[in-house]
């Protein structure tokens, strides 16, 4: 039986921790952070949610099988590493693309794609482990 306070605090902390994880993901290559740190913070947010509301509620928040998420993340990370080979560059060379939107333009590169893949892999593996260790 979970505490009422744990459930109340979890409702506020889970979104904040998930936003912090995305912040860590996006600042990864320029400052401390990245896909690994962001994925761990997201896994902690989901662990807190699972302890407060149960595994089923946590699965609704995640919306995808964690093992599938790990596999997709691994494919994204490997793809971003070997994408420069299509441009006849060494593997894991950073490529940058101009992304123009109605708001403005920015550069999007393979390093952030690699970090997103690592984020998804770490999150999927950690949630899979939590589910295997958790007994409802």
Protein backbone atom coordinates (compact mmCIF):
# COMPACT_ATOMS: atom_id res chain seq x y z
CA UNK A 1 0.00 0.00 0.00
CA UNK A 2 1.46 3.33 -1.02
CA UNK A 3 1.34 6.53 0.92
CA UNK A 4 -1.06 9.24 -0.16
CA UNK A 5 1.79 11.78 0.03
CA UNK A 6 3.96 9.69 -2.25
CA UNK A 7 1.21 9.71 -4.88
CA UNK A 8 0.69 13.48 -4.56
CA UNK A 9 4.41 14.30 -4.76
CA UNK A 10 4.90 11.88 -7.65
CA UNK A 11 2.25 13.68 -9.70
CA UNK A 12 4.35 16.85 -9.49
CA UNK A 13 7.82 15.33 -9.68
CA UNK A 14 7.37 12.97 -12.64
CA UNK A 15 6.78 15.72 -15.25
CA UNK A 16 9.58 17.84 -13.78
CA UNK A 17 12.04 14.95 -13.88
CA UNK A 18 11.05 14.10 -17.45
CA UNK A 19 11.61 17.73 -18.50
CA UNK A 20 14.98 17.70 -16.74
CA UNK A 21 15.89 14.53 -18.64
CA UNK A 22 15.09 16.19 -21.97
CA UNK A 23 17.11 19.25 -20.92
CA UNK A 24 20.09 17.01 -20.11
CA UNK A 25 19.67 15.22 -23.43
CA UNK A 26 19.64 18.41 -25.49
CA UNK A 27 22.68 20.03 -23.88
CA UNK A 28 24.72 16.84 -24.00
CA UNK A 29 27.59 17.52 -26.36
CA UNK A 30 28.32 21.07 -25.27
CA UNK A 31 27.89 20.78 -21.51
CA UNK A 32 27.66 17.94 -18.97
CA UNK A 33 24.69 15.74 -19.77
CA UNK A 34 23.75 13.80 -22.87
CA UNK A 35 21.76 10.74 -23.72
CA UNK A 36 23.06 8.56 -20.91
CA UNK A 37 22.44 11.06 -18.09
CA UNK A 38 19.08 12.09 -19.55
CA UNK A 39 18.00 8.46 -19.93
CA UNK A 40 18.90 7.72 -16.30
CA UNK A 41 16.90 10.71 -15.03
CA UNK A 42 13.91 9.64 -17.15
CA UNK A 43 14.22 6.10 -15.77
CA UNK A 44 14.26 7.50 -12.22
CA UNK A 45 11.08 9.47 -12.99
CA UNK A 46 9.38 6.31 -14.23
CA UNK A 47 10.65 4.32 -11.25
CA UNK A 48 9.11 6.87 -8.89
CA UNK A 49 5.85 6.68 -10.85
CA UNK A 50 5.91 2.88 -10.68
CA UNK A 51 6.49 2.85 -6.92
CA UNK A 52 3.60 5.25 -6.37
CA UNK A 53 1.01 3.97 -8.86
CA UNK A 54 2.13 0.53 -9.97
CA UNK A 55 3.64 -1.06 -13.05
CA UNK A 56 0.50 -0.72 -15.18
CA UNK A 57 0.32 3.04 -14.64
CA UNK A 58 4.01 3.39 -15.45
CA UNK A 59 3.48 1.44 -18.70
CA UNK A 60 0.75 3.94 -19.65
CA UNK A 61 3.19 6.80 -19.14
CA UNK A 62 5.90 5.11 -21.22
CA UNK A 63 3.41 4.09 -23.98
CA UNK A 64 5.85 1.61 -25.59
CA UNK A 65 7.36 -1.71 -24.62
CA UNK A 66 10.74 -0.92 -23.00
CA UNK A 67 12.49 -3.69 -24.92
CA UNK A 68 11.19 -2.25 -28.18
CA UNK A 69 12.38 1.19 -27.07
CA UNK A 70 15.85 -0.21 -26.38
CA UNK A 71 16.01 -1.82 -29.80
CA UNK A 72 14.88 1.32 -31.61
CA UNK A 73 17.38 3.39 -29.63
CA UNK A 74 20.20 1.05 -30.52
CA UNK A 75 19.31 1.22 -34.22
CA UNK A 76 19.12 5.05 -34.09
CA UNK A 77 22.52 5.32 -32.36
CA UNK A 78 24.23 2.94 -34.78
CA UNK A 79 22.57 4.60 -37.78
CA UNK A 80 23.76 8.04 -36.67
CA UNK A 81 27.28 6.71 -36.29
CA UNK A 82 27.44 5.24 -39.77
CA UNK A 83 25.42 7.92 -41.58
CA UNK A 84 28.65 9.82 -42.45
CA UNK A 85 29.80 6.75 -44.42
CA UNK A 86 27.16 7.65 -47.00
CA UNK A 87 29.07 10.92 -47.48
CA UNK A 88 32.35 8.97 -47.69
CA UNK A 89 33.52 10.23 -44.29
CA UNK A 90 34.85 8.20 -41.35
CA UNK A 91 32.28 6.65 -39.01
CA UNK A 92 31.00 8.87 -36.20
CA UNK A 93 32.03 12.07 -37.98
CA UNK A 94 29.59 14.83 -37.10
CA UNK A 95 27.32 15.90 -39.92
CA UNK A 96 25.20 19.03 -39.67
CA UNK A 97 22.02 19.83 -41.57
CA UNK A 98 20.17 23.14 -41.83
CA UNK A 99 16.62 22.79 -40.52
CA UNK A 100 14.34 25.64 -41.58
CA UNK A 101 10.98 26.08 -39.89
CA UNK A 102 8.42 28.90 -39.92
CA UNK A 103 9.91 30.03 -36.59
CA UNK A 104 13.47 30.19 -37.89
CA UNK A 105 16.38 28.03 -38.92
CA UNK A 106 18.73 25.91 -36.85
CA UNK A 107 21.35 23.27 -37.40
CA UNK A 108 20.62 19.64 -36.58
CA UNK A 109 23.47 17.16 -36.41
CA UNK A 110 24.27 13.51 -36.04
CA UNK A 111 25.64 14.00 -32.49
CA UNK A 112 22.15 14.80 -31.18
CA UNK A 113 20.76 11.85 -33.13
CA UNK A 114 23.34 9.62 -31.44
CA UNK A 115 22.38 11.05 -28.03
CA UNK A 116 18.69 10.39 -28.71
CA UNK A 117 19.52 6.77 -29.53
CA UNK A 118 21.54 6.40 -26.33
CA UNK A 119 18.71 8.07 -24.34
CA UNK A 120 16.15 5.62 -25.71
CA UNK A 121 18.42 2.61 -25.12
CA UNK A 122 19.27 3.56 -21.53
CA UNK A 123 15.63 4.33 -20.72
CA UNK A 124 14.40 1.06 -22.21
CA UNK A 125 17.03 -1.07 -20.47
CA UNK A 126 16.50 0.58 -17.08
CA UNK A 127 12.71 0.28 -17.26
CA UNK A 128 13.01 -3.37 -18.34
CA UNK A 129 15.21 -4.07 -15.33
CA UNK A 130 12.80 -2.27 -13.01
CA UNK A 131 9.89 -4.29 -14.32
CA UNK A 132 11.80 -7.54 -13.89
CA UNK A 133 12.75 -6.67 -10.32
CA UNK A 134 9.38 -5.23 -9.30
CA UNK A 135 6.75 -7.50 -7.82
CA UNK A 136 3.20 -6.17 -7.63
